[in-house]
Amino acid sequence: MQRNVKLLVIACNTASAYALPVLQAAIASVPVVGVIEPGAEAACTSAPNGRIAVIATEGTVNGGAYLRAIKQRDPNTSVIQKACPLFVPMAEEGLTDGEIATTVARHYLMPLKAERPDCLVLGCTHFPVLKGAICEVMGPEIAIMDSAATTARAVKAALTSAGLRRKETVEGARSYLVTDAVERFVRVGKIFLGAPLNPATVELVDLR
């Protein structure tokens, strides 16, 4: 907040599940957006038969945030949740396609596919980089909901409604604040952002 941000995104499903209400109450000066509500909204609109599957970390699944968010919108919806903990280290190590990715995806997803959901929510911001393997296992008949993409649309809408959107012709500057292992962040960040990161833009923050 000391950097005068105009909006804060909690770009982690587990953090959104546990901390979003607290942060929204503590930070009243700017909008605070989580990733679960937009993902739940998109899932409900993509489930004509009311059958939704959610894959996430164990923390997000155990917290039940997606289940609550979806049920609040449609109490009659059937929600199937599955923790996929191996997807996180695989994404961070760049093991996003090939035999290993497909084998692990089958291990987690085949039981979900057998339940014939209308859509599958990627309830972790690590999971979209594994989307190819996930789609290969689930097949084209099951819609894939990327909570990161739905959150981006929610952020755009929030900025627009508040009159805070910058003109699209203006290029923004990127700064990255990390609490540990700058070199690892630079390496891993390239996987998620799709382009090399400039180490000069990464700043180590000491939480002490």
N, C-alpha and C. Protein backbone atom coordinates (compact mmCIF):
# COMPACT_ATOMS: atom_id res chain seq x y z
N MET A 1 0.83 -1.20 0.00
CA MET A 1 0.00 0.00 0.00
C MET A 1 0.87 1.26 0.00
N GLN A 2 2.10 1.13 0.50
CA GLN A 2 3.01 2.26 0.48
C GLN A 2 3.41 2.64 -0.95
N ARG A 3 3.14 1.79 -1.90
CA ARG A 3 3.48 2.07 -3.30
C ARG A 3 2.30 2.65 -4.07
N ASN A 4 1.27 3.04 -3.35
CA ASN A 4 0.12 3.74 -3.95
C ASN A 4 -0.55 2.95 -5.06
N VAL A 5 -0.77 1.67 -4.83
CA VAL A 5 -1.48 0.87 -5.83
C VAL A 5 -2.94 1.30 -5.87
N LYS A 6 -3.58 1.09 -7.04
CA LYS A 6 -4.99 1.47 -7.17
C LYS A 6 -5.92 0.27 -7.06
N LEU A 7 -5.36 -0.95 -7.07
CA LEU A 7 -6.15 -2.17 -6.89
C LEU A 7 -5.20 -3.28 -6.49
N LEU A 8 -5.68 -4.17 -5.62
CA LEU A 8 -4.86 -5.29 -5.16
C LEU A 8 -5.55 -6.59 -5.54
N VAL A 9 -4.82 -7.47 -6.21
CA VAL A 9 -5.33 -8.79 -6.56
C VAL A 9 -4.64 -9.84 -5.69
N ILE A 10 -5.42 -10.64 -4.99
CA ILE A 10 -4.87 -11.78 -4.26
C ILE A 10 -4.82 -12.93 -5.25
N ALA A 11 -3.71 -13.03 -5.98
CA ALA A 11 -3.61 -13.94 -7.13
C ALA A 11 -3.19 -15.34 -6.71
N CYS A 12 -3.87 -15.85 -5.71
CA CYS A 12 -3.62 -17.20 -5.21
C CYS A 12 -4.92 -17.70 -4.63
N ASN A 13 -5.34 -18.89 -5.03
CA ASN A 13 -6.60 -19.42 -4.55
C ASN A 13 -6.56 -19.73 -3.06
N THR A 14 -5.47 -20.32 -2.58
CA THR A 14 -5.37 -20.65 -1.16
C THR A 14 -5.37 -19.39 -0.31
N ALA A 15 -4.62 -18.38 -0.72
CA ALA A 15 -4.60 -17.11 0.01
C ALA A 15 -5.97 -16.44 -0.03
N SER A 16 -6.64 -16.51 -1.18
CA SER A 16 -7.98 -15.95 -1.27
C SER A 16 -8.94 -16.66 -0.32
N ALA A 17 -8.81 -17.98 -0.26
CA ALA A 17 -9.71 -18.77 0.58
C ALA A 17 -9.57 -18.40 2.05
N TYR A 18 -8.34 -18.12 2.49
CA TYR A 18 -8.11 -17.91 3.91
C TYR A 18 -8.04 -16.43 4.32
N ALA A 19 -7.62 -15.56 3.42
CA ALA A 19 -7.28 -14.20 3.85
C ALA A 19 -8.08 -13.08 3.19
N LEU A 20 -8.85 -13.36 2.14
CA LEU A 20 -9.49 -12.28 1.40
C LEU A 20 -10.40 -11.41 2.28
N PRO A 21 -11.32 -11.98 3.06
CA PRO A 21 -12.19 -11.10 3.87
C PRO A 21 -11.41 -10.22 4.84
N VAL A 22 -10.35 -10.77 5.42
CA VAL A 22 -9.53 -10.00 6.36
C VAL A 22 -8.85 -8.84 5.66
N LEU A 23 -8.30 -9.11 4.46
CA LEU A 23 -7.61 -8.06 3.71
C LEU A 23 -8.58 -7.00 3.22
N GLN A 24 -9.76 -7.42 2.77
CA GLN A 24 -10.75 -6.45 2.32
C GLN A 24 -11.18 -5.53 3.46
N ALA A 25 -11.27 -6.07 4.66
CA ALA A 25 -11.65 -5.26 5.81
C ALA A 25 -10.51 -4.33 6.24
N ALA A 26 -9.27 -4.82 6.10
CA ALA A 26 -8.11 -4.05 6.57
C ALA A 26 -7.70 -2.97 5.58
N ILE A 27 -7.97 -3.21 4.29
CA ILE A 27 -7.55 -2.27 3.24
C ILE A 27 -8.80 -1.70 2.58
N ALA A 28 -9.26 -0.59 3.10
CA ALA A 28 -10.51 -0.01 2.60
C ALA A 28 -10.29 1.03 1.51
N SER A 29 -9.04 1.43 1.29
CA SER A 29 -8.78 2.54 0.38
C SER A 29 -8.77 2.13 -1.09
N VAL A 30 -8.57 0.84 -1.38
CA VAL A 30 -8.55 0.37 -2.77
C VAL A 30 -9.34 -0.94 -2.87
N PRO A 31 -9.84 -1.27 -4.07
CA PRO A 31 -10.50 -2.57 -4.22
C PRO A 31 -9.51 -3.71 -4.03
N VAL A 32 -9.97 -4.78 -3.36
CA VAL A 32 -9.17 -6.00 -3.19
C VAL A 32 -9.95 -7.14 -3.83
N VAL A 33 -9.35 -7.78 -4.83
CA VAL A 33 -10.03 -8.80 -5.62
C VAL A 33 -9.34 -10.14 -5.40
N GLY A 34 -10.12 -11.18 -5.12
CA GLY A 34 -9.60 -12.53 -5.04
C GLY A 34 -9.87 -13.30 -6.31
N VAL A 35 -9.42 -14.54 -6.36
CA VAL A 35 -9.57 -15.34 -7.58
C VAL A 35 -10.71 -16.35 -7.51
N ILE A 36 -11.27 -16.56 -6.32
CA ILE A 36 -12.28 -17.62 -6.19
C ILE A 36 -13.65 -17.18 -6.69
N GLU A 37 -14.09 -16.00 -6.32
CA GLU A 37 -15.42 -15.55 -6.74
C GLU A 37 -15.56 -15.47 -8.26
N PRO A 38 -14.61 -14.88 -8.99
CA PRO A 38 -14.73 -14.86 -10.46
C PRO A 38 -14.73 -16.27 -11.05
N GLY A 39 -13.91 -17.16 -10.50
CA GLY A 39 -13.88 -18.54 -11.01
C GLY A 39 -15.18 -19.26 -10.77
N ALA A 40 -15.77 -19.06 -9.59
CA ALA A 40 -17.05 -19.69 -9.28
C ALA A 40 -18.15 -19.17 -10.19
N GLU A 41 -18.15 -17.87 -10.44
CA GLU A 41 -19.16 -17.27 -11.31
C GLU A 41 -19.08 -17.85 -12.72
N ALA A 42 -17.87 -17.94 -13.26
CA ALA A 42 -17.69 -18.48 -14.60
C ALA A 42 -18.10 -19.94 -14.67
N ALA A 43 -17.79 -20.69 -13.62
CA ALA A 43 -18.15 -22.11 -13.60
C ALA A 43 -19.65 -22.30 -13.63
N CYS A 44 -20.36 -21.51 -12.85
CA CYS A 44 -21.82 -21.64 -12.79
C CYS A 44 -22.47 -21.34 -14.14
N THR A 45 -21.92 -20.40 -14.88
CA THR A 45 -22.48 -20.08 -16.19
C THR A 45 -22.10 -21.11 -17.25
N SER A 46 -21.14 -21.97 -16.94
CA SER A 46 -20.67 -22.97 -17.91
C SER A 46 -21.09 -24.39 -17.53
N ALA A 47 -22.06 -24.50 -16.63
CA ALA A 47 -22.49 -25.83 -16.16
C ALA A 47 -24.00 -25.98 -16.35
N PRO A 48 -24.44 -26.23 -17.59
CA PRO A 48 -25.89 -26.32 -17.84
C PRO A 48 -26.56 -27.46 -17.07
N ASN A 49 -25.81 -28.49 -16.75
CA ASN A 49 -26.38 -29.62 -16.00
C ASN A 49 -26.08 -29.55 -14.50
N GLY A 50 -25.44 -28.44 -14.10
CA GLY A 50 -25.19 -28.24 -12.67
C GLY A 50 -24.14 -29.14 -12.08
N ARG A 51 -23.17 -29.56 -12.89
CA ARG A 51 -22.11 -30.46 -12.41
C ARG A 51 -20.75 -29.78 -12.63
N ILE A 52 -20.08 -29.44 -11.54
CA ILE A 52 -18.83 -28.69 -11.61
C ILE A 52 -17.74 -29.45 -10.85
N ALA A 53 -16.58 -29.60 -11.48
CA ALA A 53 -15.41 -30.18 -10.83
C ALA A 53 -14.39 -29.07 -10.55
N VAL A 54 -13.72 -29.17 -9.43
CA VAL A 54 -12.71 -28.18 -9.04
C VAL A 54 -11.44 -28.92 -8.68
N ILE A 55 -10.31 -28.52 -9.28
CA ILE A 55 -9.01 -29.03 -8.86
C ILE A 55 -8.22 -27.88 -8.26
N ALA A 56 -7.50 -28.16 -7.18
CA ALA A 56 -6.81 -27.09 -6.47
C ALA A 56 -5.75 -27.70 -5.56
N THR A 57 -5.14 -26.86 -4.74
CA THR A 57 -4.23 -27.36 -3.71
C THR A 57 -5.04 -27.96 -2.58
N GLU A 58 -4.37 -28.69 -1.71
CA GLU A 58 -5.07 -29.28 -0.56
C GLU A 58 -5.66 -28.20 0.34
N GLY A 59 -4.94 -27.09 0.49
CA GLY A 59 -5.44 -26.00 1.33
C GLY A 59 -6.73 -25.42 0.81
N THR A 60 -6.80 -25.20 -0.50
CA THR A 60 -8.01 -24.63 -1.10
C THR A 60 -9.17 -25.62 -1.02
N VAL A 61 -8.89 -26.89 -1.32
CA VAL A 61 -9.96 -27.89 -1.25
C VAL A 61 -10.46 -28.06 0.18
N ASN A 62 -9.55 -28.18 1.13
CA ASN A 62 -9.95 -28.38 2.53
C ASN A 62 -10.69 -27.17 3.09
N GLY A 63 -10.33 -25.98 2.61
CA GLY A 63 -11.00 -24.77 3.06
C GLY A 63 -12.43 -24.64 2.55
N GLY A 64 -12.73 -25.31 1.43
CA GLY A 64 -14.09 -25.32 0.91
C GLY A 64 -14.57 -24.01 0.31
N ALA A 65 -13.65 -23.12 -0.05
CA ALA A 65 -14.06 -21.80 -0.53
C ALA A 65 -14.82 -21.88 -1.85
N TYR A 66 -14.35 -22.73 -2.78
CA TYR A 66 -15.06 -22.87 -4.05
C TYR A 66 -16.44 -23.48 -3.84
N LEU A 67 -16.51 -24.47 -2.99
CA LEU A 67 -17.80 -25.11 -2.71
C LEU A 67 -18.80 -24.07 -2.21
N ARG A 68 -18.38 -23.23 -1.26
CA ARG A 68 -19.28 -22.21 -0.72
C ARG A 68 -19.65 -21.18 -1.78
N ALA A 69 -18.66 -20.73 -2.56
CA ALA A 69 -18.93 -19.69 -3.56
C ALA A 69 -19.89 -20.19 -4.63
N ILE A 70 -19.72 -21.44 -5.05
CA ILE A 70 -20.61 -22.01 -6.07
C ILE A 70 -22.00 -22.24 -5.51
N LYS A 71 -22.08 -22.79 -4.31
CA LYS A 71 -23.37 -23.08 -3.69
C LYS A 71 -24.16 -21.80 -3.40
N GLN A 72 -23.45 -20.71 -3.10
CA GLN A 72 -24.13 -19.44 -2.89
C GLN A 72 -24.84 -18.97 -4.16
N ARG A 73 -24.25 -19.28 -5.30
CA ARG A 73 -24.86 -18.89 -6.57
C ARG A 73 -25.95 -19.86 -7.01
N ASP A 74 -25.75 -21.14 -6.76
CA ASP A 74 -26.75 -22.14 -7.14
C ASP A 74 -26.67 -23.31 -6.15
N PRO A 75 -27.56 -23.34 -5.17
CA PRO A 75 -27.50 -24.40 -4.15
C PRO A 75 -27.69 -25.80 -4.72
N ASN A 76 -28.26 -25.91 -5.91
CA ASN A 76 -28.53 -27.22 -6.50
C ASN A 76 -27.36 -27.79 -7.29
N THR A 77 -26.30 -27.01 -7.43
CA THR A 77 -25.14 -27.46 -8.19
C THR A 77 -24.40 -28.57 -7.45
N SER A 78 -23.95 -29.57 -8.21
CA SER A 78 -23.12 -30.64 -7.67
C SER A 78 -21.65 -30.25 -7.87
N VAL A 79 -20.88 -30.20 -6.78
CA VAL A 79 -19.48 -29.78 -6.84
C VAL A 79 -18.59 -30.95 -6.41
N ILE A 80 -17.66 -31.33 -7.28
CA ILE A 80 -16.70 -32.39 -7.00
C ILE A 80 -15.32 -31.73 -6.88
N GLN A 81 -14.64 -31.94 -5.77
CA GLN A 81 -13.33 -31.32 -5.57
C GLN A 81 -12.24 -32.38 -5.52
N LYS A 82 -11.06 -31.99 -6.03
CA LYS A 82 -9.92 -32.90 -6.02
C LYS A 82 -8.64 -32.10 -5.79
N ALA A 83 -7.89 -32.47 -4.77
CA ALA A 83 -6.59 -31.86 -4.55
C ALA A 83 -5.56 -32.48 -5.49
N CYS A 84 -4.76 -31.64 -6.12
CA CYS A 84 -3.73 -32.11 -7.06
C CYS A 84 -2.38 -31.50 -6.66
N PRO A 85 -1.82 -31.92 -5.53
CA PRO A 85 -0.62 -31.25 -5.00
C PRO A 85 0.60 -31.36 -5.90
N LEU A 86 0.75 -32.42 -6.68
CA LEU A 86 1.94 -32.56 -7.52
C LEU A 86 1.97 -31.56 -8.67
N PHE A 87 0.81 -31.01 -9.03
CA PHE A 87 0.78 -30.05 -10.14
C PHE A 87 1.61 -28.81 -9.84
N VAL A 88 1.70 -28.41 -8.56
CA VAL A 88 2.42 -27.18 -8.22
C VAL A 88 3.92 -27.31 -8.48
N PRO A 89 4.61 -28.30 -7.90
CA PRO A 89 6.05 -28.42 -8.21
C PRO A 89 6.30 -28.73 -9.68
N MET A 90 5.40 -29.47 -10.34
CA MET A 90 5.58 -29.73 -11.76
C MET A 90 5.56 -28.43 -12.57
N ALA A 91 4.62 -27.56 -12.24
CA ALA A 91 4.53 -26.28 -12.94
C ALA A 91 5.79 -25.45 -12.71
N GLU A 92 6.27 -25.43 -11.48
CA GLU A 92 7.44 -24.61 -11.15
C GLU A 92 8.73 -25.17 -11.74
N GLU A 93 8.75 -26.46 -12.01
CA GLU A 93 9.93 -27.06 -12.63
C GLU A 93 9.82 -27.12 -14.15
N GLY A 94 8.73 -26.62 -14.70
CA GLY A 94 8.56 -26.61 -16.15
C GLY A 94 8.14 -27.94 -16.73
N LEU A 95 7.68 -28.87 -15.90
CA LEU A 95 7.22 -30.18 -16.38
C LEU A 95 5.74 -30.06 -16.76
N THR A 96 5.47 -29.31 -17.82
CA THR A 96 4.10 -28.94 -18.16
C THR A 96 3.52 -29.75 -19.31
N ASP A 97 4.34 -30.51 -20.01
CA ASP A 97 3.82 -31.36 -21.08
C ASP A 97 4.67 -32.62 -21.16
N GLY A 98 4.30 -33.51 -22.06
CA GLY A 98 5.05 -34.76 -22.19
C GLY A 98 4.49 -35.85 -21.30
N GLU A 99 5.23 -36.95 -21.22
CA GLU A 99 4.74 -38.16 -20.57
C GLU A 99 4.49 -37.97 -19.08
N ILE A 100 5.38 -37.26 -18.39
CA ILE A 100 5.21 -37.08 -16.95
C ILE A 100 3.95 -36.29 -16.66
N ALA A 101 3.77 -35.17 -17.36
CA ALA A 101 2.59 -34.33 -17.14
C ALA A 101 1.31 -35.10 -17.43
N THR A 102 1.28 -35.83 -18.52
CA THR A 102 0.08 -36.58 -18.89
C THR A 102 -0.22 -37.69 -17.89
N THR A 103 0.82 -38.39 -17.43
CA THR A 103 0.62 -39.48 -16.47
C THR A 103 0.05 -38.97 -15.16
N VAL A 104 0.60 -37.88 -14.64
CA VAL A 104 0.11 -37.32 -13.39
C VAL A 104 -1.30 -36.77 -13.57
N ALA A 105 -1.55 -36.13 -14.72
CA ALA A 105 -2.89 -35.61 -14.99
C ALA A 105 -3.92 -36.74 -15.02
N ARG A 106 -3.57 -37.84 -15.64
CA ARG A 106 -4.48 -39.00 -15.67
C ARG A 106 -4.76 -39.50 -14.25
N HIS A 107 -3.70 -39.58 -13.45
CA HIS A 107 -3.84 -40.08 -12.08
C HIS A 107 -4.86 -39.25 -11.30
N TYR A 108 -4.79 -37.93 -11.42
CA TYR A 108 -5.69 -37.07 -10.68
C TYR A 108 -7.07 -36.95 -11.32
N LEU A 109 -7.11 -36.89 -12.64
CA LEU A 109 -8.31 -36.42 -13.33
C LEU A 109 -9.25 -37.51 -13.83
N MET A 110 -8.75 -38.72 -14.05
CA MET A 110 -9.64 -39.75 -14.59
C MET A 110 -10.83 -40.02 -13.66
N PRO A 111 -10.66 -40.07 -12.33
CA PRO A 111 -11.84 -40.23 -11.47
C PRO A 111 -12.83 -39.07 -11.61
N LEU A 112 -12.33 -37.86 -11.82
CA LEU A 112 -13.22 -36.71 -12.03
C LEU A 112 -13.95 -36.82 -13.36
N LYS A 113 -13.24 -37.20 -14.39
CA LYS A 113 -13.85 -37.33 -15.71
C LYS A 113 -14.98 -38.36 -15.69
N ALA A 114 -14.82 -39.41 -14.90
CA ALA A 114 -15.85 -40.44 -14.80
C ALA A 114 -17.15 -39.90 -14.21
N GLU A 115 -17.07 -38.79 -13.47
CA GLU A 115 -18.26 -38.16 -12.89
C GLU A 115 -19.00 -37.29 -13.90
N ARG A 116 -18.42 -37.10 -15.08
CA ARG A 116 -19.02 -36.37 -16.20
C ARG A 116 -19.44 -34.94 -15.82
N PRO A 117 -18.50 -34.14 -15.34
CA PRO A 117 -18.84 -32.76 -15.02
C PRO A 117 -19.03 -31.92 -16.29
N ASP A 118 -19.77 -30.83 -16.17
CA ASP A 118 -19.91 -29.89 -17.30
C ASP A 118 -18.62 -29.12 -17.52
N CYS A 119 -17.97 -28.77 -16.42
CA CYS A 119 -16.75 -27.96 -16.52
C CYS A 119 -15.80 -28.32 -15.39
N LEU A 120 -14.55 -27.96 -15.60
CA LEU A 120 -13.49 -28.18 -14.62
C LEU A 120 -12.84 -26.85 -14.30
N VAL A 121 -12.84 -26.46 -13.04
CA VAL A 121 -12.24 -25.21 -12.61
C VAL A 121 -10.78 -25.44 -12.23
N LEU A 122 -9.87 -24.68 -12.83
CA LEU A 122 -8.46 -24.74 -12.44
C LEU A 122 -8.30 -23.83 -11.23
N GLY A 123 -8.46 -24.40 -10.04
CA GLY A 123 -8.51 -23.62 -8.82
C GLY A 123 -7.17 -23.35 -8.19
N CYS A 124 -6.15 -23.18 -9.02
CA CYS A 124 -4.82 -22.79 -8.54
C CYS A 124 -4.16 -22.05 -9.68
N THR A 125 -3.51 -20.94 -9.39
CA THR A 125 -2.90 -20.14 -10.46
C THR A 125 -1.65 -20.78 -11.03
N HIS A 126 -1.20 -21.91 -10.47
CA HIS A 126 -0.14 -22.69 -11.10
C HIS A 126 -0.67 -23.56 -12.25
N PHE A 127 -1.94 -23.94 -12.17
CA PHE A 127 -2.45 -25.00 -13.03
C PHE A 127 -2.60 -24.62 -14.51
N PRO A 128 -2.84 -23.35 -14.87
CA PRO A 128 -3.00 -23.05 -16.31
C PRO A 128 -1.81 -23.43 -17.18
N VAL A 129 -0.60 -23.47 -16.63
CA VAL A 129 0.54 -23.86 -17.46
C VAL A 129 0.51 -25.35 -17.78
N LEU A 130 -0.33 -26.11 -17.07
CA LEU A 130 -0.53 -27.53 -17.35
C LEU A 130 -1.82 -27.79 -18.13
N LYS A 131 -2.37 -26.73 -18.70
CA LYS A 131 -3.68 -26.84 -19.34
C LYS A 131 -3.67 -27.82 -20.50
N GLY A 132 -2.57 -27.91 -21.23
CA GLY A 132 -2.50 -28.85 -22.35
C GLY A 132 -2.70 -30.28 -21.90
N ALA A 133 -1.99 -30.68 -20.86
CA ALA A 133 -2.12 -32.05 -20.34
C ALA A 133 -3.50 -32.27 -19.74
N ILE A 134 -4.02 -31.25 -19.06
CA ILE A 134 -5.34 -31.36 -18.44
C ILE A 134 -6.42 -31.53 -19.51
N CYS A 135 -6.35 -30.73 -20.56
CA CYS A 135 -7.34 -30.83 -21.65
C CYS A 135 -7.23 -32.18 -22.36
N GLU A 136 -6.01 -32.68 -22.50
CA GLU A 136 -5.82 -33.96 -23.17
C GLU A 136 -6.53 -35.08 -22.41
N VAL A 137 -6.47 -35.03 -21.08
CA VAL A 137 -7.11 -36.06 -20.27
C VAL A 137 -8.63 -35.87 -20.21
N MET A 138 -9.07 -34.65 -20.00
CA MET A 138 -10.51 -34.40 -19.80
C MET A 138 -11.31 -34.47 -21.09
N GLY A 139 -10.69 -34.15 -22.22
CA GLY A 139 -11.40 -34.20 -23.49
C GLY A 139 -12.13 -32.91 -23.80
N PRO A 140 -12.54 -32.74 -25.07
CA PRO A 140 -13.12 -31.46 -25.51
C PRO A 140 -14.53 -31.20 -24.98
N GLU A 141 -15.20 -32.23 -24.49
CA GLU A 141 -16.59 -32.04 -24.06
C GLU A 141 -16.70 -31.38 -22.69
N ILE A 142 -15.60 -31.28 -21.95
CA ILE A 142 -15.62 -30.66 -20.62
C ILE A 142 -14.93 -29.30 -20.70
N ALA A 143 -15.65 -28.25 -20.39
CA ALA A 143 -15.11 -26.89 -20.45
C ALA A 143 -14.09 -26.69 -19.33
N ILE A 144 -13.00 -26.01 -19.64
CA ILE A 144 -11.96 -25.72 -18.65
C ILE A 144 -12.06 -24.26 -18.25
N MET A 145 -12.24 -24.02 -16.95
CA MET A 145 -12.36 -22.66 -16.42
C MET A 145 -11.05 -22.26 -15.76
N ASP A 146 -10.37 -21.28 -16.33
CA ASP A 146 -9.11 -20.77 -15.81
C ASP A 146 -9.42 -19.62 -14.85
N SER A 147 -9.24 -19.84 -13.55
CA SER A 147 -9.58 -18.81 -12.57
C SER A 147 -8.73 -17.55 -12.74
N ALA A 148 -7.52 -17.71 -13.29
CA ALA A 148 -6.67 -16.54 -13.53
C ALA A 148 -7.28 -15.65 -14.61
N ALA A 149 -7.78 -16.26 -15.70
CA ALA A 149 -8.39 -15.49 -16.79
C ALA A 149 -9.67 -14.83 -16.33
N THR A 150 -10.49 -15.54 -15.56
CA THR A 150 -11.74 -14.94 -15.08
C THR A 150 -11.46 -13.80 -14.11
N THR A 151 -10.39 -13.92 -13.32
CA THR A 151 -10.02 -12.84 -12.41
C THR A 151 -9.55 -11.62 -13.19
N ALA A 152 -8.79 -11.84 -14.25
CA ALA A 152 -8.34 -10.71 -15.08
C ALA A 152 -9.54 -9.93 -15.62
N ARG A 153 -10.58 -10.64 -16.03
CA ARG A 153 -11.78 -9.95 -16.52
C ARG A 153 -12.47 -9.19 -15.39
N ALA A 154 -12.47 -9.77 -14.18
CA ALA A 154 -13.07 -9.09 -13.04
C ALA A 154 -12.29 -7.82 -12.68
N VAL A 155 -10.96 -7.89 -12.78
CA VAL A 155 -10.13 -6.72 -12.50
C VAL A 155 -10.40 -5.62 -13.52
N LYS A 156 -10.49 -5.99 -14.78
CA LYS A 156 -10.80 -5.01 -15.84
C LYS A 156 -12.14 -4.33 -15.57
N ALA A 157 -13.13 -5.12 -15.18
CA ALA A 157 -14.45 -4.56 -14.89
C ALA A 157 -14.40 -3.63 -13.69
N ALA A 158 -13.65 -4.02 -12.64
CA ALA A 158 -13.56 -3.19 -11.44
C ALA A 158 -12.87 -1.86 -11.73
N LEU A 159 -11.79 -1.92 -12.50
CA LEU A 159 -11.07 -0.68 -12.85
C LEU A 159 -11.93 0.21 -13.73
N THR A 160 -12.67 -0.40 -14.65
CA THR A 160 -13.52 0.39 -15.55
C THR A 160 -14.63 1.07 -14.77
N SER A 161 -15.29 0.33 -13.88
CA SER A 161 -16.41 0.91 -13.13
C SER A 161 -15.95 2.03 -12.19
N ALA A 162 -14.70 1.95 -11.72
CA ALA A 162 -14.17 2.97 -10.83
C ALA A 162 -13.48 4.11 -11.58
N GLY A 163 -13.45 4.03 -12.91
CA GLY A 163 -12.79 5.06 -13.71
C GLY A 163 -11.29 5.06 -13.55
N LEU A 164 -10.70 3.89 -13.26
CA LEU A 164 -9.27 3.81 -12.98
C LEU A 164 -8.45 3.16 -14.09
N ARG A 165 -9.11 2.73 -15.18
CA ARG A 165 -8.36 2.07 -16.25
C ARG A 165 -7.49 3.06 -17.00
N ARG A 166 -6.26 2.64 -17.26
CA ARG A 166 -5.35 3.45 -18.06
C ARG A 166 -5.61 3.17 -19.53
N LYS A 167 -5.28 4.11 -20.37
CA LYS A 167 -5.44 3.91 -21.81
C LYS A 167 -4.60 2.73 -22.27
N GLU A 168 -5.14 1.95 -23.18
CA GLU A 168 -4.45 0.74 -23.62
C GLU A 168 -3.17 1.05 -24.39
N THR A 169 -3.02 2.27 -24.86
CA THR A 169 -1.81 2.64 -25.60
C THR A 169 -0.64 2.95 -24.68
N VAL A 170 -0.89 3.03 -23.38
CA VAL A 170 0.17 3.35 -22.42
C VAL A 170 0.74 2.06 -21.83
N GLU A 171 2.02 1.87 -21.97
CA GLU A 171 2.68 0.67 -21.45
C GLU A 171 3.03 0.86 -19.98
N GLY A 172 2.63 -0.10 -19.17
CA GLY A 172 2.93 -0.02 -17.75
C GLY A 172 4.33 -0.53 -17.43
N ALA A 173 4.80 -0.20 -16.23
CA ALA A 173 6.09 -0.70 -15.75
C ALA A 173 5.84 -1.84 -14.77
N ARG A 174 6.68 -2.85 -14.81
CA ARG A 174 6.52 -4.02 -13.95
C ARG A 174 7.60 -4.03 -12.87
N SER A 175 7.16 -4.26 -11.63
CA SER A 175 8.07 -4.45 -10.51
C SER A 175 7.64 -5.71 -9.78
N TYR A 176 8.58 -6.50 -9.32
CA TYR A 176 8.29 -7.75 -8.64
C TYR A 176 8.92 -7.71 -7.25
N LEU A 177 8.10 -7.88 -6.22
CA LEU A 177 8.59 -7.91 -4.85
C LEU A 177 8.49 -9.35 -4.36
N VAL A 178 9.61 -9.92 -3.94
CA VAL A 178 9.63 -11.32 -3.51
C VAL A 178 10.20 -11.40 -2.10
N THR A 179 9.79 -12.44 -1.39
CA THR A 179 10.23 -12.59 0.00
C THR A 179 11.33 -13.63 0.16
N ASP A 180 11.74 -14.25 -0.96
CA ASP A 180 12.79 -15.27 -0.85
C ASP A 180 13.28 -15.61 -2.26
N ALA A 181 14.53 -15.98 -2.39
CA ALA A 181 15.10 -16.60 -3.59
C ALA A 181 14.80 -15.84 -4.87
N VAL A 182 15.45 -14.69 -5.02
CA VAL A 182 15.25 -13.87 -6.22
C VAL A 182 15.61 -14.64 -7.48
N GLU A 183 16.73 -15.37 -7.45
CA GLU A 183 17.16 -16.08 -8.65
C GLU A 183 16.14 -17.13 -9.07
N ARG A 184 15.56 -17.83 -8.09
CA ARG A 184 14.55 -18.84 -8.41
C ARG A 184 13.30 -18.19 -8.97
N PHE A 185 12.92 -17.04 -8.42
CA PHE A 185 11.73 -16.34 -8.92
C PHE A 185 11.93 -15.94 -10.38
N VAL A 186 13.11 -15.45 -10.71
CA VAL A 186 13.39 -15.06 -12.09
C VAL A 186 13.28 -16.27 -13.01
N ARG A 187 13.78 -17.41 -12.56
CA ARG A 187 13.72 -18.62 -13.38
C ARG A 187 12.29 -19.14 -13.52
N VAL A 188 11.58 -19.23 -12.41
CA VAL A 188 10.23 -19.79 -12.43
C VAL A 188 9.24 -18.81 -13.06
N GLY A 189 9.44 -17.52 -12.82
CA GLY A 189 8.51 -16.52 -13.35
C GLY A 189 8.39 -16.57 -14.85
N LYS A 190 9.47 -16.93 -15.52
CA LYS A 190 9.45 -17.01 -16.98
C LYS A 190 8.42 -18.04 -17.45
N ILE A 191 8.24 -19.11 -16.69
CA ILE A 191 7.29 -20.16 -17.06
C ILE A 191 5.86 -19.62 -17.05
N PHE A 192 5.56 -18.82 -16.05
CA PHE A 192 4.18 -18.35 -15.88
C PHE A 192 3.89 -17.10 -16.71
N LEU A 193 4.86 -16.25 -16.90
CA LEU A 193 4.63 -14.99 -17.61
C LEU A 193 4.94 -15.08 -19.09
N GLY A 194 5.55 -16.18 -19.52
CA GLY A 194 5.74 -16.40 -20.95
C GLY A 194 6.88 -15.62 -21.57
N ALA A 195 7.71 -14.98 -20.76
CA ALA A 195 8.83 -14.21 -21.29
C ALA A 195 9.88 -14.08 -20.18
N PRO A 196 11.15 -13.92 -20.54
CA PRO A 196 12.19 -13.76 -19.52
C PRO A 196 11.95 -12.53 -18.66
N LEU A 197 12.31 -12.63 -17.38
CA LEU A 197 12.19 -11.50 -16.46
C LEU A 197 13.54 -10.79 -16.33
N ASN A 198 13.49 -9.50 -16.23
CA ASN A 198 14.69 -8.72 -15.98
C ASN A 198 14.98 -8.73 -14.49
N PRO A 199 16.10 -9.31 -14.06
CA PRO A 199 16.40 -9.38 -12.63
C PRO A 199 16.39 -8.02 -11.95
N ALA A 200 16.67 -6.96 -12.71
CA ALA A 200 16.69 -5.62 -12.12
C ALA A 200 15.32 -5.16 -11.65
N THR A 201 14.26 -5.81 -12.14
CA THR A 201 12.90 -5.44 -11.73
C THR A 201 12.43 -6.21 -10.51
N VAL A 202 13.27 -7.12 -9.99
CA VAL A 202 12.88 -7.97 -8.87
C VAL A 202 13.56 -7.46 -7.59
N GLU A 203 12.76 -7.20 -6.57
CA GLU A 203 13.26 -6.63 -5.31
C GLU A 203 12.96 -7.60 -4.16
N LEU A 204 13.94 -7.87 -3.35
CA LEU A 204 13.77 -8.73 -2.18
C LEU A 204 13.19 -7.93 -1.02
N VAL A 205 12.11 -8.43 -0.43
CA VAL A 205 11.48 -7.78 0.70
C VAL A 205 11.72 -8.63 1.94
N ASP A 206 12.23 -8.00 2.99
CA ASP A 206 12.48 -8.68 4.25
C ASP A 206 11.27 -8.48 5.16
N LEU A 207 10.51 -9.55 5.40
CA LEU A 207 9.31 -9.45 6.19
C LEU A 207 9.57 -9.19 7.67
N ARG A 208 10.82 -9.33 8.08
CA ARG A 208 11.12 -9.04 9.47
C ARG A 208 11.12 -7.55 9.75
